[in-house]
Amino acid sequence: MDINKANTLIKEAWIVGVVLGGFNLFASFFGWYGSNLWNLIDVAIVFGLSFGIYKKSRTCALAMFIYLLINKIMMLSEGTLQSSGFLWAILFGYAFFQGIRGTFAYHKIIRTLKQKE
C-alpha cells in the first residue's frame, strides 16, 4: 500500500465516523433511541475517535472498530438491532477496519521513510 492509498482509507474512516456521530446525535435529539446521557456520551466518543482517526491515530482507529463491534453485539443481545441496522453496522465496520489498515500502513511508510534519511 502506498501513502496515498493509506491516506484515502484514513479519510474515508474518519468521514464515516463523523456521519455515524451525526446520525447518533440526530437520533438522540429526536429521541429515537430514547433521550439519555448515554446517547450524548456515545456521540462524544464517536466524534472523539473520528478526530483521532483524522489525526492518523492507530489507537483511535482500532478503538473505533472495537467500540462499534461491542455496541452492535450489545444491541444484538438486547434484541434492539434491526436488519437495516445490521447492514449499516457491516458497512461502518468495513470502513473502520479499512481505517485501521490505513493508519498502520501510514505509520509504517513514515517510519520507513525516516529510516532512509
PDB file of N, CA and C in Angstrom:
ATOM      1  N   MET A   1       0.855  -1.177   0.000  1.00  0.00           N
ATOM      2  CA  MET A   1       0.000   0.000   0.000  1.00  0.00           C
ATOM      3  C   MET A   1       0.900   1.239   0.000  1.00  0.00           C
ATOM      4  N   ASP A   2       0.542   2.211  -0.820  1.00  0.00           N
ATOM      5  CA  ASP A   2       1.316   3.453  -0.836  1.00  0.00           C
ATOM      6  C   ASP A   2       0.668   4.484   0.096  1.00  0.00           C
ATOM      7  N   ILE A   3       1.348   5.597   0.279  1.00  0.00           N
ATOM      8  CA  ILE A   3       0.879   6.599   1.236  1.00  0.00           C
ATOM      9  C   ILE A   3      -0.439   7.240   0.804  1.00  0.00           C
ATOM     10  N   ASN A   4      -0.661   7.382  -0.499  1.00  0.00           N
ATOM     11  CA  ASN A   4      -1.928   7.960  -0.972  1.00  0.00           C
ATOM     12  C   ASN A   4      -3.102   7.049  -0.646  1.00  0.00           C
ATOM     13  N   LYS A   5      -2.933   5.750  -0.831  1.00  0.00           N
ATOM     14  CA  LYS A   5      -3.992   4.787  -0.508  1.00  0.00           C
ATOM     15  C   LYS A   5      -4.251   4.789   0.997  1.00  0.00           C
ATOM     16  N   ALA A   6      -3.182   4.818   1.794  1.00  0.00           N
ATOM     17  CA  ALA A   6      -3.335   4.855   3.247  1.00  0.00           C
ATOM     18  C   ALA A   6      -4.105   6.106   3.674  1.00  0.00           C
ATOM     19  N   ASN A   7      -3.742   7.253   3.109  1.00  0.00           N
ATOM     20  CA  ASN A   7      -4.449   8.496   3.437  1.00  0.00           C
ATOM     21  C   ASN A   7      -5.911   8.450   3.019  1.00  0.00           C
ATOM     22  N   THR A   8      -6.196   7.813   1.887  1.00  0.00           N
ATOM     23  CA  THR A   8      -7.589   7.681   1.429  1.00  0.00           C
ATOM     24  C   THR A   8      -8.395   6.824   2.397  1.00  0.00           C
ATOM     25  N   LEU A   9      -7.830   5.710   2.836  1.00  0.00           N
ATOM     26  CA  LEU A   9      -8.530   4.842   3.783  1.00  0.00           C
ATOM     27  C   LEU A   9      -8.777   5.551   5.109  1.00  0.00           C
ATOM     28  N   ILE A  10      -7.791   6.314   5.548  1.00  0.00           N
ATOM     29  CA  ILE A  10      -7.934   7.077   6.792  1.00  0.00           C
ATOM     30  C   ILE A  10      -9.029   8.130   6.637  1.00  0.00           C
ATOM     31  N   LYS A  11      -9.020   8.834   5.529  1.00  0.00           N
ATOM     32  CA  LYS A  11     -10.026   9.879   5.286  1.00  0.00           C
ATOM     33  C   LYS A  11     -11.429   9.285   5.250  1.00  0.00           C
ATOM     34  N   GLU A  12     -11.596   8.175   4.564  1.00  0.00           N
ATOM     35  CA  GLU A  12     -12.908   7.535   4.495  1.00  0.00           C
ATOM     36  C   GLU A  12     -13.380   7.103   5.878  1.00  0.00           C
ATOM     37  N   ALA A  13     -12.463   6.584   6.695  1.00  0.00           N
ATOM     38  CA  ALA A  13     -12.836   6.121   8.039  1.00  0.00           C
ATOM     39  C   ALA A  13     -13.290   7.276   8.925  1.00  0.00           C
ATOM     40  N   TRP A  14     -12.549   8.393   8.910  1.00  0.00           N
ATOM     41  CA  TRP A  14     -12.971   9.479   9.798  1.00  0.00           C
ATOM     42  C   TRP A  14     -14.254  10.138   9.298  1.00  0.00           C
ATOM     43  N   ILE A  15     -14.457  10.174   7.986  1.00  0.00           N
ATOM     44  CA  ILE A  15     -15.708  10.735   7.460  1.00  0.00           C
ATOM     45  C   ILE A  15     -16.887   9.851   7.865  1.00  0.00           C
ATOM     46  N   VAL A  16     -16.722   8.542   7.748  1.00  0.00           N
ATOM     47  CA  VAL A  16     -17.787   7.618   8.175  1.00  0.00           C
ATOM     48  C   VAL A  16     -18.047   7.790   9.669  1.00  0.00           C
ATOM     49  N   GLY A  17     -17.001   8.006  10.452  1.00  0.00           N
ATOM     50  CA  GLY A  17     -17.177   8.251  11.882  1.00  0.00           C
ATOM     51  C   GLY A  17     -17.981   9.510  12.158  1.00  0.00           C
ATOM     52  N   VAL A  18     -17.707  10.570  11.414  1.00  0.00           N
ATOM     53  CA  VAL A  18     -18.463  11.816  11.573  1.00  0.00           C
ATOM     54  C   VAL A  18     -19.925  11.611  11.175  1.00  0.00           C
ATOM     55  N   VAL A  19     -20.144  10.851  10.104  1.00  0.00           N
ATOM     56  CA  VAL A  19     -21.522  10.548   9.679  1.00  0.00           C
ATOM     57  C   VAL A  19     -22.242   9.754  10.774  1.00  0.00           C
ATOM     58  N   LEU A  20     -21.570   8.739  11.327  1.00  0.00           N
ATOM     59  CA  LEU A  20     -22.170   7.939  12.396  1.00  0.00           C
ATOM     60  C   LEU A  20     -22.464   8.804  13.617  1.00  0.00           C
ATOM     61  N   GLY A  21     -21.507   9.634  14.015  1.00  0.00           N
ATOM     62  CA  GLY A  21     -21.734  10.521  15.155  1.00  0.00           C
ATOM     63  C   GLY A  21     -22.866  11.501  14.898  1.00  0.00           C
ATOM     64  N   GLY A  22     -22.925  12.044  13.681  1.00  0.00           N
ATOM     65  CA  GLY A  22     -24.010  12.967  13.326  1.00  0.00           C
ATOM     66  C   GLY A  22     -25.364  12.289  13.354  1.00  0.00           C
ATOM     67  N   PHE A  23     -25.420  11.070  12.832  1.00  0.00           N
ATOM     68  CA  PHE A  23     -26.689  10.330  12.868  1.00  0.00           C
ATOM     69  C   PHE A  23     -27.095  10.046  14.313  1.00  0.00           C
ATOM     70  N   ASN A  24     -26.141   9.628  15.143  1.00  0.00           N
ATOM     71  CA  ASN A  24     -26.460   9.341  16.548  1.00  0.00           C
ATOM     72  C   ASN A  24     -26.916  10.593  17.281  1.00  0.00           C
ATOM     73  N   LEU A  25     -26.308  11.735  16.975  1.00  0.00           N
ATOM     74  CA  LEU A  25     -26.733  12.992  17.581  1.00  0.00           C
ATOM     75  C   LEU A  25     -28.149  13.347  17.144  1.00  0.00           C
ATOM     76  N   PHE A  26     -28.412  13.205  15.857  1.00  0.00           N
ATOM     77  CA  PHE A  26     -29.742  13.462  15.307  1.00  0.00           C
ATOM     78  C   PHE A  26     -30.780  12.542  15.945  1.00  0.00           C
ATOM     79  N   ALA A  27     -30.454  11.250  16.026  1.00  0.00           N
ATOM     80  CA  ALA A  27     -31.378  10.272  16.609  1.00  0.00           C
ATOM     81  C   ALA A  27     -31.612  10.558  18.093  1.00  0.00           C
ATOM     82  N   SER A  28     -30.569  10.966  18.779  1.00  0.00           N
ATOM     83  CA  SER A  28     -30.702  11.290  20.200  1.00  0.00           C
ATOM     84  C   SER A  28     -31.564  12.530  20.393  1.00  0.00           C
ATOM     85  N   PHE A  29     -31.353  13.526  19.525  1.00  0.00           N
ATOM     86  CA  PHE A  29     -32.121  14.768  19.614  1.00  0.00           C
ATOM     87  C   PHE A  29     -33.611  14.508  19.443  1.00  0.00           C
ATOM     88  N   PHE A  30     -33.957  13.602  18.526  1.00  0.00           N
ATOM     89  CA  PHE A  30     -35.368  13.298  18.279  1.00  0.00           C
ATOM     90  C   PHE A  30     -35.876  12.128  19.115  1.00  0.00           C
ATOM     91  N   GLY A  31     -35.030  11.604  19.982  1.00  0.00           N
ATOM     92  CA  GLY A  31     -35.465  10.571  20.912  1.00  0.00           C
ATOM     93  C   GLY A  31     -35.712   9.214  20.289  1.00  0.00           C
ATOM     94  N   TRP A  32     -35.076   8.911  19.149  1.00  0.00           N
ATOM     95  CA  TRP A  32     -35.299   7.618  18.500  1.00  0.00           C
ATOM     96  C   TRP A  32     -34.801   6.465  19.342  1.00  0.00           C
ATOM     97  N   TYR A  33     -33.721   6.683  20.047  1.00  0.00           N
ATOM     98  CA  TYR A  33     -33.173   5.637  20.917  1.00  0.00           C
ATOM     99  C   TYR A  33     -33.402   5.981  22.380  1.00  0.00           C
ATOM    100  N   GLY A  34     -34.299   6.900  22.613  1.00  0.00           N
ATOM    101  CA  GLY A  34     -34.506   7.406  23.953  1.00  0.00           C
ATOM    102  C   GLY A  34     -33.536   8.556  24.189  1.00  0.00           C
ATOM    103  N   SER A  35     -33.918   9.485  24.980  1.00  0.00           N
ATOM    104  CA  SER A  35     -33.043  10.622  25.273  1.00  0.00           C
ATOM    105  C   SER A  35     -32.444  10.434  26.652  1.00  0.00           C
ATOM    106  N   ASN A  36     -31.163  10.114  26.670  1.00  0.00           N
ATOM    107  CA  ASN A  36     -30.480   9.972  27.948  1.00  0.00           C
ATOM    108  C   ASN A  36     -29.027  10.398  27.798  1.00  0.00           C
ATOM    109  N   LEU A  37     -28.340  10.444  28.911  1.00  0.00           N
ATOM    110  CA  LEU A  37     -26.954  10.896  28.927  1.00  0.00           C
ATOM    111  C   LEU A  37     -26.055   9.958  28.133  1.00  0.00           C
ATOM    112  N   TRP A  38     -26.355   8.656  28.159  1.00  0.00           N
ATOM    113  CA  TRP A  38     -25.517   7.698  27.441  1.00  0.00           C
ATOM    114  C   TRP A  38     -25.462   8.017  25.952  1.00  0.00           C
ATOM    115  N   ASN A  39     -26.559   8.438  25.367  1.00  0.00           N
ATOM    116  CA  ASN A  39     -26.566   8.776  23.938  1.00  0.00           C
ATOM    117  C   ASN A  39     -25.600   9.919  23.632  1.00  0.00           C
ATOM    118  N   LEU A  40     -25.569  10.921  24.498  1.00  0.00           N
ATOM    119  CA  LEU A  40     -24.654  12.042  24.281  1.00  0.00           C
ATOM    120  C   LEU A  40     -23.204  11.630  24.514  1.00  0.00           C
ATOM    121  N   ILE A  41     -22.973  10.743  25.470  1.00  0.00           N
ATOM    122  CA  ILE A  41     -21.624  10.213  25.689  1.00  0.00           C
ATOM    123  C   ILE A  41     -21.187   9.414  24.471  1.00  0.00           C
ATOM    124  N   ASP A  42     -22.104   8.626  23.915  1.00  0.00           N
ATOM    125  CA  ASP A  42     -21.822   7.845  22.709  1.00  0.00           C
ATOM    126  C   ASP A  42     -21.418   8.765  21.560  1.00  0.00           C
ATOM    127  N   VAL A  43     -22.149   9.840  21.372  1.00  0.00           N
ATOM    128  CA  VAL A  43     -21.846  10.801  20.315  1.00  0.00           C
ATOM    129  C   VAL A  43     -20.456  11.408  20.531  1.00  0.00           C
ATOM    130  N   ALA A  44     -20.154  11.773  21.777  1.00  0.00           N
ATOM    131  CA  ALA A  44     -18.841  12.362  22.082  1.00  0.00           C
ATOM    132  C   ALA A  44     -17.717  11.357  21.819  1.00  0.00           C
ATOM    133  N   ILE A  45     -17.933  10.100  22.163  1.00  0.00           N
ATOM    134  CA  ILE A  45     -16.918   9.071  21.921  1.00  0.00           C
ATOM    135  C   ILE A  45     -16.675   8.903  20.427  1.00  0.00           C
ATOM    136  N   VAL A  46     -17.760   8.805  19.662  1.00  0.00           N
ATOM    137  CA  VAL A  46     -17.632   8.609  18.211  1.00  0.00           C
ATOM    138  C   VAL A  46     -16.942   9.807  17.559  1.00  0.00           C
ATOM    139  N   PHE A  47     -17.337  11.024  17.934  1.00  0.00           N
ATOM    140  CA  PHE A  47     -16.681  12.207  17.372  1.00  0.00           C
ATOM    141  C   PHE A  47     -15.216  12.280  17.804  1.00  0.00           C
ATOM    142  N   GLY A  48     -14.936  11.962  19.051  1.00  0.00           N
ATOM    143  CA  GLY A  48     -13.562  11.990  19.535  1.00  0.00           C
ATOM    144  C   GLY A  48     -12.676  10.980  18.818  1.00  0.00           C
ATOM    145  N   LEU A  49     -13.180   9.769  18.657  1.00  0.00           N
ATOM    146  CA  LEU A  49     -12.409   8.750  17.943  1.00  0.00           C
ATOM    147  C   LEU A  49     -12.245   9.115  16.466  1.00  0.00           C
ATOM    148  N   SER A  50     -13.268   9.722  15.887  1.00  0.00           N
ATOM    149  CA  SER A  50     -13.170  10.161  14.490  1.00  0.00           C
ATOM    150  C   SER A  50     -12.075  11.214  14.336  1.00  0.00           C
ATOM    151  N   PHE A  51     -11.994  12.128  15.294  1.00  0.00           N
ATOM    152  CA  PHE A  51     -10.937  13.127  15.257  1.00  0.00           C
ATOM    153  C   PHE A  51      -9.567  12.461  15.382  1.00  0.00           C
ATOM    154  N   GLY A  52      -9.483  11.458  16.233  1.00  0.00           N
ATOM    155  CA  GLY A  52      -8.234  10.721  16.372  1.00  0.00           C
ATOM    156  C   GLY A  52      -7.830  10.023  15.085  1.00  0.00           C
ATOM    157  N   ILE A  53      -8.808   9.461  14.384  1.00  0.00           N
ATOM    158  CA  ILE A  53      -8.524   8.828  13.094  1.00  0.00           C
ATOM    159  C   ILE A  53      -8.058   9.881  12.097  1.00  0.00           C
ATOM    160  N   TYR A  54      -8.698  11.035  12.114  1.00  0.00           N
ATOM    161  CA  TYR A  54      -8.287  12.157  11.263  1.00  0.00           C
ATOM    162  C   TYR A  54      -6.817  12.511  11.511  1.00  0.00           C
ATOM    163  N   LYS A  55      -6.395  12.433  12.776  1.00  0.00           N
ATOM    164  CA  LYS A  55      -5.011  12.719  13.144  1.00  0.00           C
ATOM    165  C   LYS A  55      -4.101  11.503  12.933  1.00  0.00           C
ATOM    166  N   LYS A  56      -4.655  10.455  12.303  1.00  0.00           N
ATOM    167  CA  LYS A  56      -3.905   9.251  11.931  1.00  0.00           C
ATOM    168  C   LYS A  56      -3.483   8.394  13.117  1.00  0.00           C
ATOM    169  N   SER A  57      -4.313   8.367  14.150  1.00  0.00           N
ATOM    170  CA  SER A  57      -4.032   7.576  15.338  1.00  0.00           C
ATOM    171  C   SER A  57      -4.442   6.116  15.121  1.00  0.00           C
ATOM    172  N   ARG A  58      -3.471   5.222  15.254  1.00  0.00           N
ATOM    173  CA  ARG A  58      -3.761   3.796  15.144  1.00  0.00           C
ATOM    174  C   ARG A  58      -4.653   3.356  16.296  1.00  0.00           C
ATOM    175  N   THR A  59      -4.401   3.893  17.478  1.00  0.00           N
ATOM    176  CA  THR A  59      -5.187   3.540  18.659  1.00  0.00           C
ATOM    177  C   THR A  59      -6.652   3.911  18.465  1.00  0.00           C
ATOM    178  N   CYS A  60      -6.909   5.103  17.969  1.00  0.00           N
ATOM    179  CA  CYS A  60      -8.289   5.546  17.762  1.00  0.00           C
ATOM    180  C   CYS A  60      -8.980   4.729  16.675  1.00  0.00           C
ATOM    181  N   ALA A  61      -8.254   4.397  15.619  1.00  0.00           N
ATOM    182  CA  ALA A  61      -8.847   3.584  14.553  1.00  0.00           C
ATOM    183  C   ALA A  61      -9.252   2.215  15.092  1.00  0.00           C
ATOM    184  N   LEU A  62      -8.377   1.603  15.866  1.00  0.00           N
ATOM    185  CA  LEU A  62      -8.674   0.304  16.452  1.00  0.00           C
ATOM    186  C   LEU A  62      -9.805   0.410  17.475  1.00  0.00           C
ATOM    187  N   ALA A  63      -9.760   1.456  18.306  1.00  0.00           N
ATOM    188  CA  ALA A  63     -10.803   1.654  19.319  1.00  0.00           C
ATOM    189  C   ALA A  63     -12.171   1.883  18.681  1.00  0.00           C
ATOM    190  N   MET A  64     -12.219   2.608  17.575  1.00  0.00           N
ATOM    191  CA  MET A  64     -13.495   2.858  16.900  1.00  0.00           C
ATOM    192  C   MET A  64     -14.097   1.550  16.393  1.00  0.00           C
ATOM    193  N   PHE A  65     -13.272   0.714  15.792  1.00  0.00           N
ATOM    194  CA  PHE A  65     -13.754  -0.571  15.286  1.00  0.00           C
ATOM    195  C   PHE A  65     -14.270  -1.437  16.438  1.00  0.00           C
ATOM    196  N   ILE A  66     -13.503  -1.518  17.519  1.00  0.00           N
ATOM    197  CA  ILE A  66     -13.902  -2.328  18.671  1.00  0.00           C
ATOM    198  C   ILE A  66     -15.148  -1.747  19.325  1.00  0.00           C
ATOM    199  N   TYR A  67     -15.216  -0.429  19.431  1.00  0.00           N
ATOM    200  CA  TYR A  67     -16.383   0.228  20.026  1.00  0.00           C
ATOM    201  C   TYR A  67     -17.650  -0.095  19.233  1.00  0.00           C
ATOM    202  N   LEU A  68     -17.554  -0.011  17.905  1.00  0.00           N
ATOM    203  CA  LEU A  68     -18.699  -0.343  17.061  1.00  0.00           C
ATOM    204  C   LEU A  68     -19.092  -1.802  17.245  1.00  0.00           C
ATOM    205  N   LEU A  69     -18.108  -2.677  17.258  1.00  0.00           N
ATOM    206  CA  LEU A  69     -18.363  -4.109  17.402  1.00  0.00           C
ATOM    207  C   LEU A  69     -19.053  -4.421  18.730  1.00  0.00           C
ATOM    208  N   ILE A  70     -18.536  -3.882  19.818  1.00  0.00           N
ATOM    209  CA  ILE A  70     -19.141  -4.113  21.135  1.00  0.00           C
ATOM    210  C   ILE A  70     -20.554  -3.540  21.185  1.00  0.00           C
ATOM    211  N   ASN A  71     -20.728  -2.339  20.648  1.00  0.00           N
ATOM    212  CA  ASN A  71     -22.040  -1.696  20.635  1.00  0.00           C
ATOM    213  C   ASN A  71     -23.066  -2.554  19.903  1.00  0.00           C
ATOM    214  N   LYS A  72     -22.690  -3.079  18.742  1.00  0.00           N
ATOM    215  CA  LYS A  72     -23.641  -3.876  17.960  1.00  0.00           C
ATOM    216  C   LYS A  72     -23.898  -5.239  18.592  1.00  0.00           C
ATOM    217  N   ILE A  73     -22.887  -5.815  19.239  1.00  0.00           N
ATOM    218  CA  ILE A  73     -23.092  -7.079  19.952  1.00  0.00           C
ATOM    219  C   ILE A  73     -24.067  -6.874  21.100  1.00  0.00           C
ATOM    220  N   MET A  74     -23.915  -5.757  21.816  1.00  0.00           N
ATOM    221  CA  MET A  74     -24.853  -5.451  22.900  1.00  0.00           C
ATOM    222  C   MET A  74     -26.262  -5.259  22.369  1.00  0.00           C
ATOM    223  N   MET A  75     -26.402  -4.546  21.260  1.00  0.00           N
ATOM    224  CA  MET A  75     -27.725  -4.335  20.673  1.00  0.00           C
ATOM    225  C   MET A  75     -28.336  -5.661  20.215  1.00  0.00           C
ATOM    226  N   LEU A  76     -27.501  -6.532  19.657  1.00  0.00           N
ATOM    227  CA  LEU A  76     -27.972  -7.835  19.204  1.00  0.00           C
ATOM    228  C   LEU A  76     -28.448  -8.678  20.384  1.00  0.00           C
ATOM    229  N   SER A  77     -27.707  -8.653  21.482  1.00  0.00           N
ATOM    230  CA  SER A  77     -28.088  -9.439  22.656  1.00  0.00           C
ATOM    231  C   SER A  77     -29.352  -8.908  23.319  1.00  0.00           C
ATOM    232  N   GLU A  78     -29.581  -7.595  23.193  1.00  0.00           N
ATOM    233  CA  GLU A  78     -30.789  -6.984  23.757  1.00  0.00           C
ATOM    234  C   GLU A  78     -31.985  -7.107  22.818  1.00  0.00           C
ATOM    235  N   GLY A  79     -31.728  -7.514  21.592  1.00  0.00           N
ATOM    236  CA  GLY A  79     -32.801  -7.640  20.612  1.00  0.00           C
ATOM    237  C   GLY A  79     -33.221  -6.322  19.997  1.00  0.00           C
ATOM    238  N   THR A  80     -32.365  -5.312  20.088  1.00  0.00           N
ATOM    239  CA  THR A  80     -32.722  -3.993  19.539  1.00  0.00           C
ATOM    240  C   THR A  80     -32.059  -3.710  18.198  1.00  0.00           C
ATOM    241  N   LEU A  81     -31.255  -4.644  17.701  1.00  0.00           N
ATOM    242  CA  LEU A  81     -30.600  -4.444  16.411  1.00  0.00           C
ATOM    243  C   LEU A  81     -31.512  -4.961  15.307  1.00  0.00           C
ATOM    244  N   GLN A  82     -31.959  -4.045  14.461  1.00  0.00           N
ATOM    245  CA  GLN A  82     -32.839  -4.415  13.361  1.00  0.00           C
ATOM    246  C   GLN A  82     -32.003  -4.809  12.149  1.00  0.00           C
ATOM    247  N   SER A  83     -32.641  -5.410  11.144  1.00  0.00           N
ATOM    248  CA  SER A  83     -31.895  -5.875   9.971  1.00  0.00           C
ATOM    249  C   SER A  83     -31.220  -4.720   9.237  1.00  0.00           C
ATOM    250  N   SER A  84     -31.863  -3.567   9.154  1.00  0.00           N
ATOM    251  CA  SER A  84     -31.228  -2.423   8.489  1.00  0.00           C
ATOM    252  C   SER A  84     -30.037  -1.932   9.308  1.00  0.00           C
ATOM    253  N   GLY A  85     -30.157  -1.980  10.621  1.00  0.00           N
ATOM    254  CA  GLY A  85     -29.051  -1.599  11.488  1.00  0.00           C
ATOM    255  C   GLY A  85     -27.884  -2.549  11.356  1.00  0.00           C
ATOM    256  N   PHE A  86     -28.179  -3.810  11.120  1.00  0.00           N
ATOM    257  CA  PHE A  86     -27.126  -4.806  10.923  1.00  0.00           C
ATOM    258  C   PHE A  86     -26.357  -4.513   9.643  1.00  0.00           C
ATOM    259  N   LEU A  87     -27.072  -4.149   8.596  1.00  0.00           N
ATOM    260  CA  LEU A  87     -26.418  -3.801   7.330  1.00  0.00           C
ATOM    261  C   LEU A  87     -25.530  -2.571   7.499  1.00  0.00           C
ATOM    262  N   TRP A  88     -26.050  -1.554   8.167  1.00  0.00           N
ATOM    263  CA  TRP A  88     -25.251  -0.351   8.413  1.00  0.00           C
ATOM    264  C   TRP A  88     -24.026  -0.677   9.260  1.00  0.00           C
ATOM    265  N   ALA A  89     -24.188  -1.558  10.245  1.00  0.00           N
ATOM    266  CA  ALA A  89     -23.062  -1.946  11.096  1.00  0.00           C
ATOM    267  C   ALA A  89     -21.960  -2.602  10.278  1.00  0.00           C
ATOM    268  N   ILE A  90     -22.340  -3.426   9.322  1.00  0.00           N
ATOM    269  CA  ILE A  90     -21.347  -4.077   8.459  1.00  0.00           C
ATOM    270  C   ILE A  90     -20.620  -3.030   7.615  1.00  0.00           C
ATOM    271  N   LEU A  91     -21.364  -2.087   7.048  1.00  0.00           N
ATOM    272  CA  LEU A  91     -20.742  -1.045   6.224  1.00  0.00           C
ATOM    273  C   LEU A  91     -19.818  -0.152   7.045  1.00  0.00           C
ATOM    274  N   PHE A  92     -20.277   0.277   8.222  1.00  0.00           N
ATOM    275  CA  PHE A  92     -19.443   1.108   9.089  1.00  0.00           C
ATOM    276  C   PHE A  92     -18.225   0.317   9.561  1.00  0.00           C
ATOM    277  N   GLY A  93     -18.459  -0.937   9.937  1.00  0.00           N
ATOM    278  CA  GLY A  93     -17.358  -1.786  10.388  1.00  0.00           C
ATOM    279  C   GLY A  93     -16.301  -1.959   9.319  1.00  0.00           C
ATOM    280  N   TYR A  94     -16.722  -2.136   8.080  1.00  0.00           N
ATOM    281  CA  TYR A  94     -15.778  -2.260   6.977  1.00  0.00           C
ATOM    282  C   TYR A  94     -14.944  -0.995   6.827  1.00  0.00           C
ATOM    283  N   ALA A  95     -15.601   0.165   6.882  1.00  0.00           N
ATOM    284  CA  ALA A  95     -14.885   1.437   6.748  1.00  0.00           C
ATOM    285  C   ALA A  95     -13.895   1.620   7.901  1.00  0.00           C
ATOM    286  N   PHE A  96     -14.300   1.258   9.119  1.00  0.00           N
ATOM    287  CA  PHE A  96     -13.404   1.414  10.261  1.00  0.00           C
ATOM    288  C   PHE A  96     -12.244   0.418  10.194  1.00  0.00           C
ATOM    289  N   PHE A  97     -12.505  -0.785   9.698  1.00  0.00           N
ATOM    290  CA  PHE A  97     -11.423  -1.755   9.525  1.00  0.00           C
ATOM    291  C   PHE A  97     -10.412  -1.242   8.498  1.00  0.00           C
ATOM    292  N   GLN A  98     -10.917  -0.647   7.431  1.00  0.00           N
ATOM    293  CA  GLN A  98     -10.023  -0.061   6.430  1.00  0.00           C
ATOM    294  C   GLN A  98      -9.230   1.101   7.037  1.00  0.00           C
ATOM    295  N   GLY A  99      -9.847   1.827   7.956  1.00  0.00           N
ATOM    296  CA  GLY A  99      -9.142   2.889   8.663  1.00  0.00           C
ATOM    297  C   GLY A  99      -7.989   2.342   9.501  1.00  0.00           C
ATOM    298  N   ILE A 100      -8.206   1.181  10.108  1.00  0.00           N
ATOM    299  CA  ILE A 100      -7.124   0.515  10.845  1.00  0.00           C
ATOM    300  C   ILE A 100      -5.985   0.199   9.888  1.00  0.00           C
ATOM    301  N   ARG A 101      -6.318  -0.404   8.765  1.00  0.00           N
ATOM    302  CA  ARG A 101      -5.304  -0.737   7.775  1.00  0.00           C
ATOM    303  C   ARG A 101      -4.549   0.512   7.312  1.00  0.00           C
ATOM    304  N   GLY A 102      -5.307   1.586   7.063  1.00  0.00           N
ATOM    305  CA  GLY A 102      -4.706   2.826   6.582  1.00  0.00           C
ATOM    306  C   GLY A 102      -3.769   3.461   7.597  1.00  0.00           C
ATOM    307  N   THR A 103      -4.189   3.513   8.865  1.00  0.00           N
ATOM    308  CA  THR A 103      -3.335   4.139   9.871  1.00  0.00           C
ATOM    309  C   THR A 103      -2.063   3.330  10.105  1.00  0.00           C
ATOM    310  N   PHE A 104      -2.185   2.007  10.152  1.00  0.00           N
ATOM    311  CA  PHE A 104      -0.990   1.193  10.351  1.00  0.00           C
ATOM    312  C   PHE A 104      -0.049   1.299   9.150  1.00  0.00           C
ATOM    313  N   ALA A 105      -0.603   1.275   7.948  1.00  0.00           N
ATOM    314  CA  ALA A 105       0.232   1.402   6.747  1.00  0.00           C
ATOM    315  C   ALA A 105       0.897   2.774   6.703  1.00  0.00           C
ATOM    316  N   TYR A 106       0.150   3.819   7.038  1.00  0.00           N
ATOM    317  CA  TYR A 106       0.699   5.174   7.041  1.00  0.00           C
ATOM    318  C   TYR A 106       1.925   5.264   7.954  1.00  0.00           C
ATOM    319  N   HIS A 107       1.775   4.770   9.175  1.00  0.00           N
ATOM    320  CA  HIS A 107       2.887   4.856  10.120  1.00  0.00           C
ATOM    321  C   HIS A 107       4.072   3.984   9.697  1.00  0.00           C
ATOM    322  N   LYS A 108       3.793   2.864   9.078  1.00  0.00           N
ATOM    323  CA  LYS A 108       4.874   2.010   8.580  1.00  0.00           C
ATOM    324  C   LYS A 108       5.639   2.729   7.459  1.00  0.00           C
ATOM    325  N   ILE A 109       4.906   3.361   6.568  1.00  0.00           N
ATOM    326  CA  ILE A 109       5.531   4.091   5.466  1.00  0.00           C
ATOM    327  C   ILE A 109       6.368   5.251   5.995  1.00  0.00           C
ATOM    328  N   ILE A 110       5.818   6.007   6.926  1.00  0.00           N
ATOM    329  CA  ILE A 110       6.532   7.144   7.508  1.00  0.00           C
ATOM    330  C   ILE A 110       7.794   6.668   8.232  1.00  0.00           C
ATOM    331  N   ARG A 111       7.685   5.573   8.980  1.00  0.00           N
ATOM    332  CA  ARG A 111       8.847   5.032   9.683  1.00  0.00           C
ATOM    333  C   ARG A 111       9.927   4.612   8.695  1.00  0.00           C
ATOM    334  N   THR A 112       9.513   3.972   7.586  1.00  0.00           N
ATOM    335  CA  THR A 112      10.462   3.542   6.563  1.00  0.00           C
ATOM    336  C   THR A 112      11.160   4.742   5.908  1.00  0.00           C
ATOM    337  N   LEU A 113      10.397   5.792   5.631  1.00  0.00           N
ATOM    338  CA  LEU A 113      10.972   6.994   5.028  1.00  0.00           C
ATOM    339  C   LEU A 113      11.969   7.666   5.974  1.00  0.00           C
ATOM    340  N   LYS A 114      11.660   7.689   7.263  1.00  0.00           N
ATOM    341  CA  LYS A 114      12.573   8.296   8.242  1.00  0.00           C
ATOM    342  C   LYS A 114      13.857   7.483   8.369  1.00  0.00           C
ATOM    343  N   GLN A 115      13.759   6.185   8.250  1.00  0.00           N
ATOM    344  CA  GLN A 115      14.946   5.335   8.350  1.00  0.00           C
ATOM    345  C   GLN A 115      15.877   5.533   7.158  1.00  0.00           C
ATOM    346  N   LYS A 116      15.303   5.895   6.013  1.00  0.00           N
ATOM    347  CA  LYS A 116      16.104   6.101   4.810  1.00  0.00           C
ATOM    348  C   LYS A 116      16.871   7.423   4.830  1.00  0.00           C
ATOM    349  N   GLU A 117      16.475   8.335   5.695  1.00  0.00           N
ATOM    350  CA  GLU A 117      17.117   9.656   5.754  1.00  0.00           C
ATOM    351  C   GLU A 117      18.493   9.582   6.353  1.00  0.00           C
TER     352      GLU A 117
END
